Amino acid sequence: MFRYTLRGSLWLLLYLLFILGPLFAMLAGTLPPARDFWTEFSVALGYAGLAMMGLQFGLTARFRYVTEPWGEDVIYHFHRKISLIAVALVIAHPIILFIVRPELLALLNSIQAPWRARFAALSTYSLIALVVTAIWRCELKISYEAWHLSHIGLALIAVAAGVAHMVGWAFYLVDPVKRAVWIGMVVFWLALLLYIRLIKPLFMLRRPYRIAEVRAERGDTTTLVMRPDGHSGFRFSPGQFGWLTLTGSPFKITAHPFSFSSSAEAQDGRVEMSIRNLGDFTADIHKTQVGQRVYLDGPYGAFTIGNPADMHVLIAGGIGITPMMSMMRTLADRGDTRPVILLYAAKNWEAITFREELDALQSRLNLSIVYVLANPPADWSGEQGYITAEMLQRHLPAPYHEHEYFICGPNVMMDAIETVLGQLDVPMAKYHSERYSFV
């Protein structure tokens, strides 16, 4: 744990260095003629925003050594939030200039404005489009595949146009030190892009998988059983996930993240992903053919067992049961005797994925299962509705802060459970959340 904390702190400091470094470089070497405070302040905001935009390629590059301390889902949510900050900084840059120097409003005339101003406008408009389509993708009815492709294209346009705008004005790039800093930044961004789109897919191309079985599960869910084709596969920790490219090659823009549902103790490299039909790409998962070649990028995620605890409390909602199954199957294969309590919230009795196997696991594990149904049958005598503090107290032994908790399901459910655990004085270090919606 200390190792992860130290590594996470170092990566955070390095990230801040890349963001603030260009600003400090502005103060080095030969300085241009001084201007008023607000003009200089707006330029600083623009530089910081551009640096943040370029580093977004690094946040989504899926470097396991970088993401391991926090988890891939945390990195992606950070990527989304920091994008909003970067856009705010970039937009604030011209707004401040227009306020303090109204004559610059003439630059909004794209026909008569110089090319460097046109690039600034192109960068800003691309960023706004990028944010709008990311936040309201579902409302705009944009498919994940189309959104992903446009997201990458808009990001490239925004960064390239921002760099062109900066080079065009060149007010702070006369000094060789400042030029070297920004040249190095741009080369670094290009290297990240080259790694993501060329080098990493080349490695994946040499390590394909084959579909060995397509298994129907309860709750409109399909399990894909995959075996390595010509290699030994990879080892993963229970609860982790991978990015699946189901059709085409690993050079394809769009891959989809899914948790592993199989035991981490499988010795033949086999991995399973259990995927629920949510009406998008997942609607055709059941049509996958045995023998089909697929590609897996993984493992990722910090949502894993392994920390000292007297018992594991698994709280799942819907398809959030998937990483929990990996944990329970692994614990059973390892012969772990620690108590495991599963609270599984589902719409109804038939929607409980893995129901029969969960019942069978109770003979292999010290496992207690609490099903919580939103729409129970008439003769249901178990828990119903939503998981509450009172419900946890009914089924968990005290002291509550001694247990290790894992929560996975819809965001609304997870927010409520985290609030409940806070009410029970469970420290944040003792519970882990996997928010599997990255966009």
Protein backbone atom coordinates (compact mmCIF):
# COMPACT_ATOMS: atom_id res chain seq x y z
CA MET A 1 0.00 0.00 0.00
CA PHE A 2 2.82 2.42 0.88
CA ARG A 3 4.50 1.57 -2.43
CA TYR A 4 1.34 2.49 -4.34
CA THR A 5 0.90 5.70 -2.34
CA LEU A 6 4.49 6.76 -3.03
CA ARG A 7 4.24 5.91 -6.71
CA GLY A 8 0.92 7.73 -7.04
CA SER A 9 2.36 10.83 -5.39
CA LEU A 10 5.36 10.81 -7.73
CA TRP A 11 3.15 10.53 -10.81
CA LEU A 12 0.98 13.37 -9.54
CA LEU A 13 4.03 15.58 -9.05
CA LEU A 14 5.25 14.71 -12.53
CA TYR A 15 1.84 15.59 -13.97
CA LEU A 16 1.92 18.99 -12.24
CA LEU A 17 5.44 19.54 -13.56
CA PHE A 18 4.24 19.04 -17.13
CA ILE A 19 1.36 21.46 -16.56
CA LEU A 20 3.28 24.18 -14.71
CA GLY A 21 6.66 23.70 -16.40
CA PRO A 22 5.78 25.77 -19.48
CA LEU A 23 4.61 28.62 -17.24
CA PHE A 24 7.91 28.68 -15.35
CA ALA A 25 9.76 28.44 -18.66
CA MET A 26 8.07 31.68 -19.70
CA LEU A 27 10.04 33.41 -16.92
CA ALA A 28 13.39 31.94 -17.97
CA GLY A 29 15.89 33.36 -20.44
CA THR A 30 15.21 36.55 -22.37
CA LEU A 31 11.90 38.16 -21.45
CA PRO A 32 9.77 40.03 -24.01
CA PRO A 33 8.50 43.54 -23.28
CA ALA A 34 6.21 43.58 -20.26
CA ARG A 35 2.47 43.94 -20.78
CA ASP A 36 -0.42 44.59 -18.41
CA PHE A 37 -1.29 41.97 -15.78
CA TRP A 38 -4.55 40.73 -17.32
CA THR A 39 -2.98 40.18 -20.72
CA GLU A 40 -0.16 38.16 -19.19
CA PHE A 41 -2.60 36.30 -16.95
CA SER A 42 -4.77 35.31 -19.91
CA VAL A 43 -1.71 34.04 -21.79
CA ALA A 44 -0.70 31.95 -18.77
CA LEU A 45 -4.16 30.40 -18.68
CA GLY A 46 -3.92 29.57 -22.37
CA TYR A 47 -0.51 27.93 -21.96
CA ALA A 48 -1.71 25.85 -18.99
CA GLY A 49 -4.86 24.81 -20.85
CA LEU A 50 -2.85 23.73 -23.90
CA ALA A 51 -0.46 21.71 -21.71
CA MET A 52 -3.41 19.96 -20.06
CA MET A 53 -4.94 19.17 -23.44
CA GLY A 54 -1.74 17.59 -24.71
CA LEU A 55 -1.33 15.45 -21.59
CA GLN A 56 -4.80 14.00 -22.09
CA PHE A 57 -3.22 11.60 -24.57
CA GLY A 58 -1.09 10.28 -21.73
CA LEU A 59 -4.04 9.82 -19.36
CA THR A 60 -5.77 7.55 -21.87
CA ALA A 61 -2.64 5.66 -22.96
CA ARG A 62 -3.34 2.85 -20.45
CA PHE A 63 0.14 2.59 -18.95
CA ARG A 64 -0.38 -0.05 -16.25
CA TYR A 65 2.53 1.16 -14.12
CA VAL A 66 0.98 4.64 -14.06
CA THR A 67 -2.64 3.65 -13.48
CA GLU A 68 -2.01 0.86 -10.96
CA PRO A 69 -1.98 3.06 -7.80
CA TRP A 70 -5.45 4.49 -8.53
CA GLY A 71 -7.18 2.18 -10.97
CA GLU A 72 -8.05 2.76 -14.61
CA ASP A 73 -11.59 3.93 -13.85
CA VAL A 74 -10.28 6.68 -11.55
CA ILE A 75 -7.82 7.82 -14.24
CA TYR A 76 -10.58 8.01 -16.84
CA HIS A 77 -12.87 9.98 -14.56
CA PHE A 78 -9.95 12.31 -13.77
CA HIS A 79 -9.38 12.63 -17.53
CA ARG A 80 -12.97 13.74 -17.96
CA LYS A 81 -12.90 16.28 -15.11
CA ILE A 82 -9.52 17.73 -16.05
CA SER A 83 -10.79 18.14 -19.63
CA LEU A 84 -13.44 20.52 -18.33
CA ILE A 85 -10.78 22.53 -16.50
CA ALA A 86 -8.60 22.66 -19.62
CA VAL A 87 -11.51 23.88 -21.74
CA ALA A 88 -12.37 26.52 -19.12
CA LEU A 89 -8.77 27.80 -19.14
CA VAL A 90 -8.62 27.90 -22.94
CA ILE A 91 -11.94 29.77 -23.20
CA ALA A 92 -10.98 32.18 -20.40
CA HIS A 93 -7.85 33.15 -22.37
CA PRO A 94 -9.64 35.04 -25.22
CA ILE A 95 -12.49 36.27 -23.01
CA ILE A 96 -10.07 38.11 -20.72
CA LEU A 97 -8.26 39.56 -23.74
CA PHE A 98 -11.53 40.77 -25.27
CA ILE A 99 -12.49 42.47 -21.99
CA VAL A 100 -9.19 44.30 -21.44
CA ARG A 101 -8.57 44.96 -25.15
CA PRO A 102 -11.93 45.33 -26.93
CA GLU A 103 -10.23 46.03 -30.25
CA LEU A 104 -9.28 42.35 -30.39
CA LEU A 105 -12.95 41.47 -30.96
CA ALA A 106 -12.21 42.07 -34.63
CA LEU A 107 -10.34 38.75 -34.59
CA LEU A 108 -13.68 36.97 -34.35
CA ASN A 109 -14.18 37.79 -38.03
CA SER A 110 -12.66 34.61 -39.39
CA ILE A 111 -12.54 35.98 -42.95
CA GLN A 112 -10.36 38.96 -42.14
CA ALA A 113 -8.54 37.62 -39.08
CA PRO A 114 -4.91 36.44 -39.44
CA TRP A 115 -4.32 32.70 -39.70
CA ARG A 116 -3.03 32.42 -36.14
CA ALA A 117 -6.37 33.77 -34.85
CA ARG A 118 -8.25 31.31 -37.05
CA PHE A 119 -6.32 28.45 -35.48
CA ALA A 120 -7.27 29.76 -32.03
CA ALA A 121 -10.93 29.75 -33.02
CA LEU A 122 -10.64 26.25 -34.53
CA SER A 123 -9.03 24.93 -31.35
CA THR A 124 -11.69 26.51 -29.13
CA TYR A 125 -14.64 25.32 -31.21
CA SER A 126 -13.20 21.80 -31.36
CA LEU A 127 -12.85 21.73 -27.58
CA ILE A 128 -16.42 22.90 -27.07
CA ALA A 129 -17.70 20.23 -29.48
CA LEU A 130 -15.56 17.63 -27.70
CA VAL A 131 -17.04 18.47 -24.30
CA VAL A 132 -20.64 18.72 -25.51
CA THR A 133 -20.53 15.33 -27.24
CA ALA A 134 -18.82 13.71 -24.25
CA ILE A 135 -21.26 15.00 -21.62
CA TRP A 136 -24.45 14.62 -23.63
CA ARG A 137 -23.56 11.65 -25.84
CA CYS A 138 -26.58 9.61 -24.77
CA GLU A 139 -28.97 12.55 -25.05
CA LEU A 140 -27.64 13.28 -28.55
CA LYS A 141 -28.07 9.57 -29.41
CA ILE A 142 -24.48 9.20 -30.60
CA SER A 143 -23.24 5.61 -30.65
CA TYR A 144 -20.19 4.80 -28.56
CA GLU A 145 -18.17 3.89 -31.67
CA ALA A 146 -19.03 7.12 -33.51
CA TRP A 147 -18.41 9.18 -30.38
CA HIS A 148 -15.03 7.55 -29.73
CA LEU A 149 -13.85 8.24 -33.27
CA SER A 150 -15.05 11.86 -33.21
CA HIS A 151 -13.61 12.35 -29.72
CA ILE A 152 -10.12 11.40 -30.89
CA GLY A 153 -10.45 13.52 -34.04
CA LEU A 154 -11.66 16.61 -32.16
CA ALA A 155 -8.88 16.22 -29.57
CA LEU A 156 -6.21 16.06 -32.29
CA ILE A 157 -7.64 19.11 -34.06
CA ALA A 158 -7.88 21.07 -30.81
CA VAL A 159 -4.28 20.37 -29.78
CA ALA A 160 -2.79 20.85 -33.26
CA ALA A 161 -4.66 24.11 -33.81
CA GLY A 162 -3.69 25.31 -30.32
CA VAL A 163 -0.01 24.66 -31.02
CA ALA A 164 -0.29 26.41 -34.41
CA HIS A 165 -1.90 29.41 -32.72
CA MET A 166 0.89 29.57 -30.13
CA VAL A 167 3.60 29.32 -32.80
CA GLY A 168 1.87 31.97 -34.87
CA TRP A 169 1.93 34.58 -32.11
CA ALA A 170 5.40 33.47 -30.90
CA PHE A 171 5.51 36.24 -28.29
CA TYR A 172 7.13 33.94 -25.74
CA LEU A 173 8.92 31.63 -28.15
CA VAL A 174 11.72 33.96 -29.26
CA ASP A 175 14.02 32.65 -26.54
CA PRO A 176 15.69 29.27 -27.37
CA VAL A 177 14.90 27.86 -23.90
CA LYS A 178 11.18 28.47 -24.33
CA ARG A 179 11.21 27.03 -27.83
CA ALA A 180 13.03 23.93 -26.57
CA VAL A 181 10.45 23.40 -23.81
CA TRP A 182 7.50 23.50 -26.17
CA ILE A 183 9.23 21.47 -28.86
CA GLY A 184 9.90 18.84 -26.22
CA MET A 185 6.27 18.93 -25.08
CA VAL A 186 4.95 18.50 -28.62
CA VAL A 187 7.39 15.65 -29.34
CA PHE A 188 6.26 13.96 -26.12
CA TRP A 189 2.59 14.26 -27.10
CA LEU A 190 3.33 12.82 -30.55
CA ALA A 191 5.24 9.95 -28.94
CA LEU A 192 2.23 9.17 -26.74
CA LEU A 193 -0.03 9.14 -29.76
CA LEU A 194 2.40 6.90 -31.66
CA TYR A 195 2.51 4.47 -28.74
CA ILE A 196 -1.29 4.33 -28.39
CA ARG A 197 -2.13 3.93 -32.07
CA LEU A 198 0.84 1.98 -33.44
CA ILE A 199 3.26 0.41 -30.96
CA LYS A 200 0.72 -1.00 -28.50
CA PRO A 201 -1.54 -2.49 -31.21
CA LEU A 202 1.52 -4.15 -32.76
CA PHE A 203 2.21 -5.98 -29.49
CA MET A 204 -1.46 -6.98 -29.21
CA LEU A 205 -1.48 -8.24 -32.82
CA ARG A 206 1.05 -10.87 -31.81
CA ARG A 207 -1.04 -12.04 -28.83
CA PRO A 208 -4.57 -12.78 -30.08
CA TYR A 209 -7.26 -14.81 -28.31
CA ARG A 210 -9.85 -17.25 -29.64
CA ILE A 211 -13.44 -17.60 -28.48
CA ALA A 212 -13.68 -21.05 -26.91
CA GLU A 213 -17.29 -20.86 -25.67
CA VAL A 214 -20.26 -18.50 -25.80
CA ARG A 215 -22.46 -19.15 -22.77
CA ALA A 216 -25.89 -17.67 -22.09
CA GLU A 217 -26.47 -16.46 -18.52
CA ARG A 218 -29.47 -15.16 -16.62
CA GLY A 219 -30.28 -11.47 -16.81
CA ASP A 220 -29.77 -11.17 -20.60
CA THR A 221 -26.05 -11.70 -20.09
CA THR A 222 -23.54 -13.59 -22.24
CA THR A 223 -20.22 -15.00 -21.09
CA LEU A 224 -17.36 -15.12 -23.58
CA VAL A 225 -14.73 -17.73 -22.75
CA MET A 226 -11.42 -16.81 -24.44
CA ARG A 227 -8.17 -18.74 -24.70
CA PRO A 228 -4.77 -17.37 -25.79
CA ASP A 229 -3.85 -18.24 -29.38
CA GLY A 230 -0.17 -19.08 -29.70
CA HIS A 231 0.97 -17.56 -26.39
CA SER A 232 0.58 -18.10 -22.66
CA GLY A 233 -1.81 -15.22 -22.01
CA PHE A 234 -1.55 -12.92 -19.00
CA ARG A 235 -2.18 -13.17 -15.28
CA PHE A 236 -4.73 -10.91 -13.63
CA SER A 237 -5.98 -10.19 -10.15
CA PRO A 238 -9.63 -10.95 -9.31
CA GLY A 239 -11.75 -7.87 -9.94
CA GLN A 240 -9.61 -6.43 -12.74
CA PHE A 241 -10.80 -5.79 -16.29
CA GLY A 242 -9.53 -5.60 -19.87
CA TRP A 243 -10.30 -3.82 -23.13
CA LEU A 244 -11.90 -6.13 -25.69
CA THR A 245 -11.64 -5.71 -29.46
CA LEU A 246 -14.20 -8.18 -30.70
CA THR A 247 -14.03 -7.56 -34.45
CA GLY A 248 -11.26 -6.30 -36.69
CA SER A 249 -7.66 -5.76 -35.60
CA PRO A 250 -6.13 -4.11 -32.51
CA PHE A 251 -5.53 -1.05 -34.70
CA LYS A 252 -9.27 -0.46 -34.64
CA ILE A 253 -10.07 2.78 -32.84
CA THR A 254 -12.75 1.38 -30.54
CA ALA A 255 -12.23 -1.19 -27.80
CA HIS A 256 -14.66 -1.82 -24.95
CA PRO A 257 -13.83 -2.30 -21.24
CA PHE A 258 -15.29 -5.33 -19.46
CA SER A 259 -14.47 -6.96 -16.13
CA PHE A 260 -13.08 -10.48 -16.00
CA SER A 261 -15.56 -12.87 -14.42
CA SER A 262 -13.36 -15.97 -14.35
CA SER A 263 -11.06 -17.17 -11.60
CA ALA A 264 -7.59 -15.62 -11.54
CA GLU A 265 -6.26 -19.09 -10.70
CA ALA A 266 -6.93 -20.55 -14.16
CA GLN A 267 -3.62 -22.08 -15.28
CA ASP A 268 -4.28 -22.30 -19.03
CA GLY A 269 -4.50 -18.55 -19.69
CA ARG A 270 -8.27 -18.74 -20.12
CA VAL A 271 -10.23 -15.58 -19.32
CA GLU A 272 -13.97 -14.95 -19.24
CA MET A 273 -15.98 -11.79 -19.65
CA SER A 274 -19.69 -11.73 -18.80
CA ILE A 275 -21.46 -8.96 -20.73
CA ARG A 276 -25.05 -7.81 -20.29
CA ASN A 277 -27.17 -6.62 -23.21
CA LEU A 278 -27.53 -2.87 -22.63
CA GLY A 279 -28.88 -2.11 -26.08
CA ASP A 280 -25.71 -0.80 -27.74
CA PHE A 281 -22.63 -2.74 -28.87
CA THR A 282 -23.49 -5.35 -26.27
CA ALA A 283 -26.74 -6.30 -28.03
CA ASP A 284 -24.83 -8.49 -30.49
CA ILE A 285 -22.45 -10.16 -28.03
CA HIS A 286 -24.52 -13.36 -28.06
CA LYS A 287 -23.90 -13.64 -31.82
CA THR A 288 -20.15 -14.06 -31.30
CA GLN A 289 -18.89 -17.23 -32.97
CA VAL A 290 -16.77 -19.92 -31.34
CA GLY A 291 -13.30 -19.82 -32.91
CA GLN A 292 -13.49 -16.10 -33.63
CA ARG A 293 -10.24 -14.20 -33.13
CA VAL A 294 -10.37 -11.33 -30.62
CA TYR A 295 -7.84 -9.09 -28.88
CA LEU A 296 -7.51 -8.29 -25.18
CA ASP A 297 -5.60 -5.41 -23.63
CA GLY A 298 -5.15 -5.95 -19.93
CA PRO A 299 -5.22 -6.43 -17.09
CA TYR A 300 -6.18 -3.07 -15.58
CA GLY A 301 -7.80 -1.81 -12.41
CA ALA A 302 -7.10 -1.54 -8.69
CA PHE A 303 -10.47 -3.05 -7.70
CA THR A 304 -8.89 -6.21 -6.32
CA ILE A 305 -8.77 -8.29 -3.16
CA GLY A 306 -5.53 -8.75 -1.25
CA ASN A 307 -5.52 -6.24 1.61
CA PRO A 308 -5.64 -7.62 5.18
CA ALA A 309 -9.25 -7.99 6.37
CA ASP A 310 -11.28 -10.27 8.62
CA MET A 311 -13.93 -10.72 5.90
CA HIS A 312 -14.92 -9.52 2.43
CA VAL A 313 -18.21 -7.71 1.90
CA LEU A 314 -19.22 -7.66 -1.77
CA ILE A 315 -22.02 -5.28 -2.76
CA ALA A 316 -23.18 -5.66 -6.36
CA GLY A 317 -25.93 -4.14 -8.44
CA GLY A 318 -26.97 -5.63 -11.78
CA ILE A 319 -24.02 -6.55 -13.97
CA GLY A 320 -21.75 -5.22 -11.22
CA ILE A 321 -21.73 -8.86 -10.07
CA THR A 322 -19.13 -9.63 -12.77
CA PRO A 323 -15.92 -8.65 -10.89
CA MET A 324 -17.42 -10.12 -7.72
CA MET A 325 -17.73 -13.50 -9.45
CA SER A 326 -14.04 -13.34 -10.31
CA MET A 327 -13.26 -12.68 -6.65
CA MET A 328 -15.45 -15.48 -5.32
CA ARG A 329 -14.29 -18.03 -7.89
CA THR A 330 -10.67 -17.14 -7.10
CA LEU A 331 -11.17 -17.35 -3.34
CA ALA A 332 -12.83 -20.75 -3.79
CA ASP A 333 -9.97 -22.03 -5.96
CA ARG A 334 -7.47 -20.79 -3.35
CA GLY A 335 -9.32 -22.47 -0.50
CA ASP A 336 -9.69 -19.17 1.36
CA THR A 337 -11.72 -19.71 4.53
CA ARG A 338 -12.40 -16.08 5.44
CA PRO A 339 -16.11 -15.15 5.54
CA VAL A 340 -17.57 -13.56 2.41
CA ILE A 341 -20.91 -11.75 2.44
CA LEU A 342 -22.51 -10.90 -0.90
CA LEU A 343 -25.33 -8.36 -1.09
CA TYR A 344 -26.67 -8.56 -4.63
CA ALA A 345 -29.31 -6.05 -5.79
CA ALA A 346 -31.30 -7.01 -8.89
CA LYS A 347 -34.55 -6.00 -10.59
CA ASN A 348 -36.23 -9.36 -10.05
CA TRP A 349 -35.55 -13.02 -9.30
CA GLU A 350 -34.93 -13.97 -12.93
CA ALA A 351 -32.42 -11.13 -13.43
CA ILE A 352 -29.96 -12.59 -10.90
CA THR A 353 -27.02 -13.51 -13.11
CA PHE A 354 -25.01 -16.59 -11.97
CA ARG A 355 -27.78 -17.50 -9.49
CA GLU A 356 -27.23 -21.25 -9.66
CA GLU A 357 -23.45 -20.97 -9.44
CA LEU A 358 -23.70 -18.57 -6.51
CA ASP A 359 -25.75 -21.15 -4.62
CA ALA A 360 -23.15 -23.81 -5.46
CA LEU A 361 -20.28 -21.57 -4.30
CA GLN A 362 -21.68 -21.64 -0.77
CA SER A 363 -20.40 -25.22 -0.48
CA ARG A 364 -16.86 -24.14 -1.46
CA LEU A 365 -16.68 -20.83 0.41
CA ASN A 366 -17.69 -19.46 3.78
CA LEU A 367 -20.23 -17.47 1.77
CA SER A 368 -23.48 -15.80 2.81
CA ILE A 369 -25.71 -14.34 0.10
CA VAL A 370 -28.33 -11.62 0.54
CA TYR A 371 -30.47 -10.99 -2.53
CA VAL A 372 -32.17 -7.58 -2.66
CA LEU A 373 -34.95 -7.39 -5.24
CA ALA A 374 -36.52 -4.20 -6.57
CA ASN A 375 -39.56 -6.10 -7.90
CA PRO A 376 -39.86 -9.27 -5.80
CA PRO A 377 -42.42 -12.01 -6.45
CA ALA A 378 -45.51 -12.17 -4.27
CA ASP A 379 -44.13 -14.95 -2.07
CA TRP A 380 -40.71 -13.25 -1.56
CA SER A 381 -39.60 -13.12 2.08
CA GLY A 382 -36.10 -11.70 1.57
CA GLU A 383 -34.78 -8.17 1.33
CA GLN A 384 -36.35 -5.79 -1.16
CA GLY A 385 -36.02 -2.22 -2.33
CA TYR A 386 -32.60 -0.62 -1.88
CA ILE A 387 -29.58 -1.44 0.26
CA THR A 388 -29.67 0.77 3.37
CA ALA A 389 -27.62 1.23 6.52
CA GLU A 390 -30.22 -0.76 8.46
CA MET A 391 -29.98 -3.62 5.95
CA LEU A 392 -26.18 -3.74 6.26
CA GLN A 393 -26.47 -3.77 10.05
CA ARG A 394 -28.90 -6.69 9.85
CA HIS A 395 -26.48 -8.84 7.87
CA LEU A 396 -22.97 -7.67 8.82
CA PRO A 397 -21.29 -8.39 12.14
CA ALA A 398 -19.74 -5.50 14.05
CA PRO A 399 -17.25 -3.87 14.10
CA TYR A 400 -18.00 -2.69 10.56
CA HIS A 401 -14.68 -0.92 10.05
CA GLU A 402 -12.77 -4.22 10.25
CA HIS A 403 -14.26 -5.57 7.02
CA GLU A 404 -13.11 -4.85 3.47
CA TYR A 405 -15.88 -3.69 1.14
CA PHE A 406 -16.18 -3.87 -2.65
CA ILE A 407 -18.95 -1.98 -4.43
CA CYS A 408 -19.86 -2.23 -8.11
CA GLY A 409 -23.07 -1.28 -9.88
CA PRO A 410 -24.97 1.77 -11.15
CA ASN A 411 -23.52 5.09 -10.03
CA VAL A 412 -26.64 6.02 -8.05
CA MET A 413 -26.43 2.81 -6.06
CA MET A 414 -22.70 3.21 -5.43
CA ASP A 415 -23.10 6.79 -4.22
CA ALA A 416 -25.80 5.64 -1.79
CA ILE A 417 -23.70 2.73 -0.48
CA GLU A 418 -20.66 4.96 0.07
CA THR A 419 -22.87 7.33 2.06
CA VAL A 420 -24.18 4.41 4.11
CA LEU A 421 -20.65 3.18 4.86
CA GLY A 422 -19.74 6.67 6.01
CA GLN A 423 -22.69 6.56 8.41
CA LEU A 424 -21.30 3.29 9.80
CA ASP A 425 -17.88 4.93 10.37
CA VAL A 426 -16.15 2.76 7.77
CA PRO A 427 -12.98 4.59 6.66
CA MET A 428 -12.52 5.22 2.92
CA ALA A 429 -9.41 3.03 2.93
CA LYS A 430 -11.62 0.03 3.71
CA TYR A 431 -13.96 0.22 0.73
CA HIS A 432 -13.33 0.12 -3.00
CA SER A 433 -15.61 1.21 -5.83
CA GLU A 434 -15.53 0.22 -9.49
CA ARG A 435 -17.39 2.71 -11.67
CA TYR A 436 -17.45 0.88 -14.96
CA SER A 437 -19.02 3.71 -17.01
CA PHE A 438 -15.98 5.57 -18.42
CA VAL A 439 -17.88 8.06 -20.59
